[in-house]
Amino acid sequence: MWTMWIMILLVLAGCARSTRNEPSRYPVTGKVTLDGTPLSEGTVYFRTASLGLIERFPIKAGSFSGDAVAGDRRVEFSVLKSVNSVGPKMPGVTPPETVLAETLPAALNTESTFTATVTADGPNEFNFELKTR
């Protein structure tokens, strides 16, 4: 019986400690255009490789907002669309009828050179003009 209570207390102490060590988050907002037009929908990712941190904000009608940890970030963008599934037919495997495919070029997502610096002082407003041509 005492062993169970000791285990519960240790777990609770560990949870409380991890909560205190979470970094503070600050409001971020921004606008995203694609070839001069507000991006109707998509996702913006703020990446901090050194911390293994990825923050994701949905883009709606060319705008995004959320909370992010302070620091320098690499910014990536994603717009997915459903496409018909293609690929080799495998016996006994039914492939999905549709899959999601990235519509933006790698230069705007996995190879992006866009950056943002989130600060405690703000205002943390970022505007990104994406170009595909």
N, C-alpha and C. Protein backbone atom coordinates (compact mmCIF):
# COMPACT_ATOMS: atom_id res chain seq x y z
N MET A 1 0.82 -1.19 0.00
CA MET A 1 0.00 0.00 0.00
C MET A 1 0.87 1.26 0.00
N TRP A 2 1.87 1.30 0.87
CA TRP A 2 2.75 2.47 0.92
C TRP A 2 3.53 2.63 -0.37
N THR A 3 3.89 1.54 -0.97
CA THR A 3 4.63 1.59 -2.23
C THR A 3 3.80 2.27 -3.31
N MET A 4 2.51 1.96 -3.35
CA MET A 4 1.63 2.58 -4.34
C MET A 4 1.57 4.10 -4.13
N TRP A 5 1.42 4.55 -2.89
CA TRP A 5 1.34 5.99 -2.61
C TRP A 5 2.66 6.70 -2.95
N ILE A 6 3.75 6.06 -2.66
CA ILE A 6 5.05 6.65 -2.99
C ILE A 6 5.19 6.79 -4.50
N MET A 7 4.76 5.77 -5.25
CA MET A 7 4.82 5.84 -6.72
C MET A 7 3.95 6.98 -7.25
N ILE A 8 2.76 7.14 -6.70
CA ILE A 8 1.86 8.21 -7.13
C ILE A 8 2.49 9.57 -6.86
N LEU A 9 3.06 9.74 -5.68
CA LEU A 9 3.71 11.01 -5.34
C LEU A 9 4.89 11.31 -6.26
N LEU A 10 5.68 10.30 -6.59
CA LEU A 10 6.80 10.50 -7.50
C LEU A 10 6.33 10.90 -8.89
N VAL A 11 5.28 10.28 -9.37
CA VAL A 11 4.74 10.63 -10.69
C VAL A 11 4.23 12.06 -10.67
N LEU A 12 3.47 12.43 -9.65
CA LEU A 12 2.95 13.80 -9.56
C LEU A 12 4.07 14.82 -9.45
N ALA A 13 5.11 14.52 -8.70
CA ALA A 13 6.25 15.44 -8.59
C ALA A 13 6.93 15.60 -9.95
N GLY A 14 7.05 14.53 -10.70
CA GLY A 14 7.65 14.61 -12.03
C GLY A 14 6.83 15.44 -12.98
N CYS A 15 5.49 15.30 -12.91
CA CYS A 15 4.61 16.08 -13.78
C CYS A 15 4.70 17.56 -13.44
N ALA A 16 4.71 17.89 -12.15
CA ALA A 16 4.78 19.29 -11.75
C ALA A 16 6.09 19.91 -12.20
N ARG A 17 7.17 19.17 -12.10
CA ARG A 17 8.48 19.69 -12.50
C ARG A 17 8.53 19.97 -13.99
N SER A 18 7.97 19.07 -14.82
CA SER A 18 8.03 19.27 -16.27
C SER A 18 7.20 20.47 -16.70
N THR A 19 6.11 20.75 -15.98
CA THR A 19 5.28 21.91 -16.32
C THR A 19 6.05 23.20 -16.08
N ARG A 20 6.82 23.27 -15.00
CA ARG A 20 7.58 24.48 -14.70
C ARG A 20 8.67 24.75 -15.72
N ASN A 21 9.18 23.72 -16.36
CA ASN A 21 10.28 23.88 -17.29
C ASN A 21 9.83 24.20 -18.72
N GLU A 22 8.53 24.26 -18.96
CA GLU A 22 8.07 24.60 -20.30
C GLU A 22 8.40 26.05 -20.61
N PRO A 23 8.91 26.33 -21.82
CA PRO A 23 9.23 27.71 -22.16
C PRO A 23 7.96 28.56 -22.32
N SER A 24 8.11 29.85 -22.08
CA SER A 24 6.99 30.77 -22.25
C SER A 24 6.66 30.91 -23.72
N ARG A 25 5.39 31.13 -24.00
CA ARG A 25 4.92 31.32 -25.38
C ARG A 25 4.39 32.73 -25.53
N TYR A 26 4.54 33.26 -26.78
CA TYR A 26 4.14 34.63 -27.06
C TYR A 26 3.27 34.65 -28.31
N PRO A 27 2.31 35.57 -28.35
CA PRO A 27 1.41 35.63 -29.52
C PRO A 27 2.18 35.98 -30.80
N VAL A 28 1.85 35.27 -31.88
CA VAL A 28 2.37 35.58 -33.21
C VAL A 28 1.18 35.70 -34.16
N THR A 29 1.31 36.60 -35.12
CA THR A 29 0.28 36.76 -36.15
C THR A 29 1.00 37.04 -37.46
N GLY A 30 0.27 36.88 -38.54
CA GLY A 30 0.88 37.20 -39.81
C GLY A 30 -0.03 37.00 -40.99
N LYS A 31 0.50 37.39 -42.13
CA LYS A 31 -0.21 37.26 -43.40
C LYS A 31 0.69 36.51 -44.37
N VAL A 32 0.06 35.72 -45.25
CA VAL A 32 0.79 34.95 -46.24
C VAL A 32 0.12 35.15 -47.59
N THR A 33 0.92 35.61 -48.57
CA THR A 33 0.42 35.72 -49.94
C THR A 33 1.19 34.74 -50.81
N LEU A 34 0.52 34.26 -51.84
CA LEU A 34 1.13 33.37 -52.82
C LEU A 34 0.97 34.02 -54.18
N ASP A 35 2.08 34.41 -54.78
CA ASP A 35 2.08 35.11 -56.08
C ASP A 35 1.15 36.32 -56.04
N GLY A 36 1.19 37.07 -54.92
CA GLY A 36 0.45 38.31 -54.79
C GLY A 36 -0.98 38.17 -54.29
N THR A 37 -1.47 36.96 -54.08
CA THR A 37 -2.84 36.74 -53.63
C THR A 37 -2.82 36.10 -52.24
N PRO A 38 -3.68 36.57 -51.31
CA PRO A 38 -3.70 35.93 -49.99
C PRO A 38 -3.92 34.42 -50.12
N LEU A 39 -3.13 33.65 -49.41
CA LEU A 39 -3.24 32.20 -49.44
C LEU A 39 -4.54 31.79 -48.74
N SER A 40 -5.44 31.14 -49.47
CA SER A 40 -6.77 30.85 -48.91
C SER A 40 -6.69 29.90 -47.72
N GLU A 41 -5.86 28.87 -47.81
CA GLU A 41 -5.69 27.97 -46.68
C GLU A 41 -4.37 27.23 -46.81
N GLY A 42 -3.89 26.77 -45.69
CA GLY A 42 -2.62 26.05 -45.65
C GLY A 42 -2.12 26.01 -44.22
N THR A 43 -0.83 25.79 -44.08
CA THR A 43 -0.21 25.71 -42.76
C THR A 43 1.14 26.39 -42.80
N VAL A 44 1.45 27.13 -41.74
CA VAL A 44 2.79 27.70 -41.58
C VAL A 44 3.42 27.00 -40.38
N TYR A 45 4.68 26.61 -40.55
CA TYR A 45 5.43 25.92 -39.49
C TYR A 45 6.59 26.80 -39.06
N PHE A 46 6.73 27.01 -37.76
CA PHE A 46 7.89 27.68 -37.19
C PHE A 46 8.76 26.56 -36.61
N ARG A 47 9.98 26.39 -37.15
CA ARG A 47 10.87 25.30 -36.73
C ARG A 47 12.07 25.85 -35.98
N THR A 48 12.41 25.18 -34.89
CA THR A 48 13.63 25.46 -34.15
C THR A 48 14.37 24.14 -34.04
N ALA A 49 15.29 23.91 -34.95
CA ALA A 49 15.98 22.62 -35.03
C ALA A 49 16.73 22.31 -33.74
N SER A 50 17.38 23.31 -33.13
CA SER A 50 18.20 23.05 -31.94
C SER A 50 17.37 22.54 -30.77
N LEU A 51 16.09 22.91 -30.72
CA LEU A 51 15.22 22.46 -29.63
C LEU A 51 14.34 21.28 -30.06
N GLY A 52 14.35 20.96 -31.35
CA GLY A 52 13.45 19.93 -31.85
C GLY A 52 12.01 20.40 -31.79
N LEU A 53 11.80 21.69 -31.90
CA LEU A 53 10.49 22.30 -31.72
C LEU A 53 9.88 22.66 -33.07
N ILE A 54 8.63 22.28 -33.27
CA ILE A 54 7.88 22.66 -34.46
C ILE A 54 6.53 23.18 -34.00
N GLU A 55 6.23 24.42 -34.35
CA GLU A 55 4.94 25.00 -34.03
C GLU A 55 4.17 25.17 -35.34
N ARG A 56 2.90 24.83 -35.31
CA ARG A 56 2.07 24.77 -36.51
C ARG A 56 0.90 25.72 -36.34
N PHE A 57 0.69 26.56 -37.38
CA PHE A 57 -0.42 27.50 -37.35
C PHE A 57 -1.21 27.39 -38.65
N PRO A 58 -2.51 27.18 -38.57
CA PRO A 58 -3.31 27.13 -39.80
C PRO A 58 -3.41 28.51 -40.44
N ILE A 59 -3.40 28.51 -41.77
CA ILE A 59 -3.58 29.74 -42.55
C ILE A 59 -5.01 29.72 -43.07
N LYS A 60 -5.75 30.77 -42.82
CA LYS A 60 -7.11 30.93 -43.31
C LYS A 60 -7.24 32.33 -43.90
N ALA A 61 -7.69 32.41 -45.13
CA ALA A 61 -7.89 33.70 -45.81
C ALA A 61 -6.64 34.58 -45.73
N GLY A 62 -5.46 33.96 -45.85
CA GLY A 62 -4.22 34.71 -45.89
C GLY A 62 -3.65 35.11 -44.55
N SER A 63 -4.26 34.68 -43.44
CA SER A 63 -3.79 35.08 -42.10
C SER A 63 -3.55 33.86 -41.22
N PHE A 64 -2.63 34.03 -40.27
CA PHE A 64 -2.40 32.99 -39.26
C PHE A 64 -2.16 33.65 -37.92
N SER A 65 -2.38 32.89 -36.84
CA SER A 65 -2.09 33.39 -35.50
C SER A 65 -1.95 32.20 -34.56
N GLY A 66 -1.30 32.46 -33.43
CA GLY A 66 -1.11 31.43 -32.42
C GLY A 66 -0.08 31.89 -31.41
N ASP A 67 0.45 30.95 -30.66
CA ASP A 67 1.47 31.25 -29.65
C ASP A 67 2.73 30.45 -29.97
N ALA A 68 3.89 31.10 -29.80
CA ALA A 68 5.16 30.45 -30.12
C ALA A 68 6.20 30.78 -29.05
N VAL A 69 7.16 29.90 -28.92
CA VAL A 69 8.28 30.10 -28.01
C VAL A 69 9.22 31.13 -28.64
N ALA A 70 9.83 31.98 -27.82
CA ALA A 70 10.76 32.99 -28.32
C ALA A 70 11.99 32.34 -28.95
N GLY A 71 12.51 32.98 -30.01
CA GLY A 71 13.73 32.50 -30.64
C GLY A 71 13.70 32.67 -32.14
N ASP A 72 14.83 32.34 -32.76
CA ASP A 72 14.96 32.40 -34.21
C ASP A 72 14.36 31.14 -34.81
N ARG A 73 13.60 31.31 -35.87
CA ARG A 73 12.91 30.19 -36.50
C ARG A 73 13.14 30.14 -37.99
N ARG A 74 13.13 28.93 -38.52
CA ARG A 74 13.02 28.72 -39.96
C ARG A 74 11.53 28.52 -40.20
N VAL A 75 10.99 29.17 -41.22
CA VAL A 75 9.56 29.13 -41.47
C VAL A 75 9.28 28.36 -42.76
N GLU A 76 8.35 27.41 -42.66
CA GLU A 76 7.96 26.59 -43.81
C GLU A 76 6.46 26.72 -44.03
N PHE A 77 6.04 26.49 -45.26
CA PHE A 77 4.64 26.60 -45.63
C PHE A 77 4.20 25.31 -46.31
N SER A 78 2.93 24.98 -46.13
CA SER A 78 2.40 23.77 -46.74
C SER A 78 0.96 24.00 -47.18
N VAL A 79 0.66 23.52 -48.38
CA VAL A 79 -0.71 23.49 -48.89
C VAL A 79 -0.91 22.09 -49.46
N LEU A 80 -1.78 21.32 -48.82
CA LEU A 80 -2.03 19.96 -49.26
C LEU A 80 -3.34 19.88 -50.02
N LYS A 81 -3.40 18.97 -51.00
CA LYS A 81 -4.66 18.74 -51.71
C LYS A 81 -4.81 17.23 -51.90
N SER A 82 -6.05 16.80 -52.01
CA SER A 82 -6.34 15.39 -52.26
C SER A 82 -6.12 15.07 -53.73
N VAL A 83 -5.46 13.97 -53.98
CA VAL A 83 -5.24 13.51 -55.36
C VAL A 83 -5.57 12.02 -55.41
N ASN A 84 -5.88 11.54 -56.60
CA ASN A 84 -6.15 10.12 -56.77
C ASN A 84 -4.89 9.33 -56.46
N SER A 85 -5.07 8.24 -55.77
CA SER A 85 -3.95 7.39 -55.41
C SER A 85 -3.37 6.73 -56.65
N VAL A 86 -2.07 6.77 -56.74
CA VAL A 86 -1.37 6.09 -57.83
C VAL A 86 -0.27 5.24 -57.23
N GLY A 87 0.12 4.24 -57.91
CA GLY A 87 1.19 3.39 -57.41
C GLY A 87 0.96 1.97 -57.84
N PRO A 88 1.94 1.14 -57.57
CA PRO A 88 1.82 -0.25 -57.99
C PRO A 88 0.74 -0.97 -57.20
N LYS A 89 0.02 -1.83 -57.87
CA LYS A 89 -1.00 -2.66 -57.22
C LYS A 89 -0.29 -3.83 -56.56
N MET A 90 -0.62 -4.06 -55.30
CA MET A 90 0.00 -5.16 -54.58
C MET A 90 -1.08 -6.17 -54.20
N PRO A 91 -0.82 -7.44 -54.42
CA PRO A 91 -1.82 -8.45 -54.08
C PRO A 91 -2.22 -8.37 -52.60
N GLY A 92 -3.52 -8.36 -52.33
CA GLY A 92 -4.02 -8.35 -50.97
C GLY A 92 -3.99 -6.99 -50.30
N VAL A 93 -3.53 -5.94 -50.99
CA VAL A 93 -3.46 -4.60 -50.40
C VAL A 93 -4.37 -3.67 -51.20
N THR A 94 -5.28 -3.01 -50.49
CA THR A 94 -6.15 -2.05 -51.13
C THR A 94 -5.62 -0.66 -50.84
N PRO A 95 -5.08 0.03 -51.83
CA PRO A 95 -4.54 1.37 -51.58
C PRO A 95 -5.69 2.36 -51.34
N PRO A 96 -5.43 3.43 -50.63
CA PRO A 96 -6.48 4.44 -50.44
C PRO A 96 -6.85 5.05 -51.79
N GLU A 97 -8.11 5.47 -51.90
CA GLU A 97 -8.54 6.07 -53.16
C GLU A 97 -7.90 7.43 -53.39
N THR A 98 -7.70 8.17 -52.31
CA THR A 98 -7.05 9.47 -52.43
C THR A 98 -5.97 9.60 -51.37
N VAL A 99 -4.99 10.41 -51.68
CA VAL A 99 -3.92 10.72 -50.75
C VAL A 99 -3.72 12.23 -50.76
N LEU A 100 -3.04 12.75 -49.75
CA LEU A 100 -2.73 14.18 -49.72
C LEU A 100 -1.37 14.41 -50.35
N ALA A 101 -1.29 15.44 -51.18
CA ALA A 101 -0.03 15.78 -51.84
C ALA A 101 0.27 17.26 -51.62
N GLU A 102 1.55 17.57 -51.43
CA GLU A 102 2.00 18.95 -51.26
C GLU A 102 1.91 19.66 -52.60
N THR A 103 1.35 20.88 -52.60
CA THR A 103 1.23 21.64 -53.84
C THR A 103 2.29 22.73 -53.98
N LEU A 104 2.97 23.06 -52.89
CA LEU A 104 3.99 24.10 -52.95
C LEU A 104 5.35 23.48 -53.27
N PRO A 105 6.21 24.24 -53.95
CA PRO A 105 7.55 23.72 -54.24
C PRO A 105 8.38 23.63 -52.97
N ALA A 106 9.39 22.77 -52.99
CA ALA A 106 10.26 22.55 -51.83
C ALA A 106 10.90 23.84 -51.34
N ALA A 107 11.13 24.81 -52.21
CA ALA A 107 11.74 26.08 -51.81
C ALA A 107 10.87 26.85 -50.82
N LEU A 108 9.59 26.48 -50.72
CA LEU A 108 8.69 27.15 -49.78
C LEU A 108 8.41 26.30 -48.54
N ASN A 109 8.83 25.04 -48.55
CA ASN A 109 8.62 24.23 -47.35
C ASN A 109 9.92 23.56 -46.92
N THR A 110 10.22 22.36 -47.33
CA THR A 110 11.38 21.64 -46.80
C THR A 110 12.72 22.31 -47.06
N GLU A 111 12.80 23.17 -48.08
CA GLU A 111 14.04 23.89 -48.39
C GLU A 111 13.88 25.40 -48.19
N SER A 112 12.92 25.80 -47.39
CA SER A 112 12.62 27.21 -47.18
C SER A 112 13.80 27.97 -46.58
N THR A 113 13.95 29.22 -47.04
CA THR A 113 14.94 30.12 -46.45
C THR A 113 14.25 31.25 -45.67
N PHE A 114 12.94 31.16 -45.50
CA PHE A 114 12.21 32.16 -44.73
C PHE A 114 12.55 32.00 -43.25
N THR A 115 12.64 33.12 -42.55
CA THR A 115 12.94 33.10 -41.12
C THR A 115 12.02 34.06 -40.37
N ALA A 116 11.95 33.88 -39.07
CA ALA A 116 11.21 34.78 -38.19
C ALA A 116 11.89 34.72 -36.83
N THR A 117 11.90 35.84 -36.13
CA THR A 117 12.42 35.89 -34.77
C THR A 117 11.28 36.27 -33.85
N VAL A 118 10.90 35.34 -32.99
CA VAL A 118 9.83 35.57 -32.01
C VAL A 118 10.48 36.13 -30.76
N THR A 119 9.94 37.24 -30.24
CA THR A 119 10.50 37.87 -29.04
C THR A 119 9.45 38.01 -27.95
N ALA A 120 9.91 38.11 -26.72
CA ALA A 120 9.00 38.32 -25.59
C ALA A 120 8.36 39.70 -25.67
N ASP A 121 9.06 40.67 -26.28
CA ASP A 121 8.57 42.04 -26.36
C ASP A 121 7.58 42.26 -27.50
N GLY A 122 7.56 41.31 -28.47
CA GLY A 122 6.63 41.45 -29.61
C GLY A 122 7.01 42.58 -30.51
N PRO A 123 6.20 42.96 -31.48
CA PRO A 123 4.82 42.53 -31.66
C PRO A 123 4.68 41.18 -32.37
N ASN A 124 5.75 40.59 -32.90
CA ASN A 124 5.71 39.28 -33.53
C ASN A 124 4.66 39.18 -34.65
N GLU A 125 4.68 40.18 -35.51
CA GLU A 125 3.82 40.18 -36.70
C GLU A 125 4.71 39.90 -37.91
N PHE A 126 4.36 38.86 -38.65
CA PHE A 126 5.20 38.42 -39.77
C PHE A 126 4.36 38.35 -41.04
N ASN A 127 4.89 38.94 -42.11
CA ASN A 127 4.23 38.89 -43.41
C ASN A 127 5.17 38.18 -44.39
N PHE A 128 4.64 37.17 -45.06
CA PHE A 128 5.43 36.37 -45.98
C PHE A 128 4.83 36.44 -47.37
N GLU A 129 5.66 36.82 -48.34
CA GLU A 129 5.24 36.88 -49.74
C GLU A 129 5.89 35.71 -50.47
N LEU A 130 5.09 34.66 -50.72
CA LEU A 130 5.58 33.46 -51.39
C LEU A 130 5.45 33.62 -52.89
N LYS A 131 6.44 33.14 -53.61
CA LYS A 131 6.42 33.22 -55.07
C LYS A 131 6.72 31.84 -55.65
N THR A 132 5.86 31.42 -56.57
CA THR A 132 6.10 30.14 -57.25
C THR A 132 6.61 30.35 -58.66
N ARG A 133 6.60 31.58 -59.15
CA ARG A 133 7.09 31.85 -60.50
C ARG A 133 8.14 32.92 -60.48
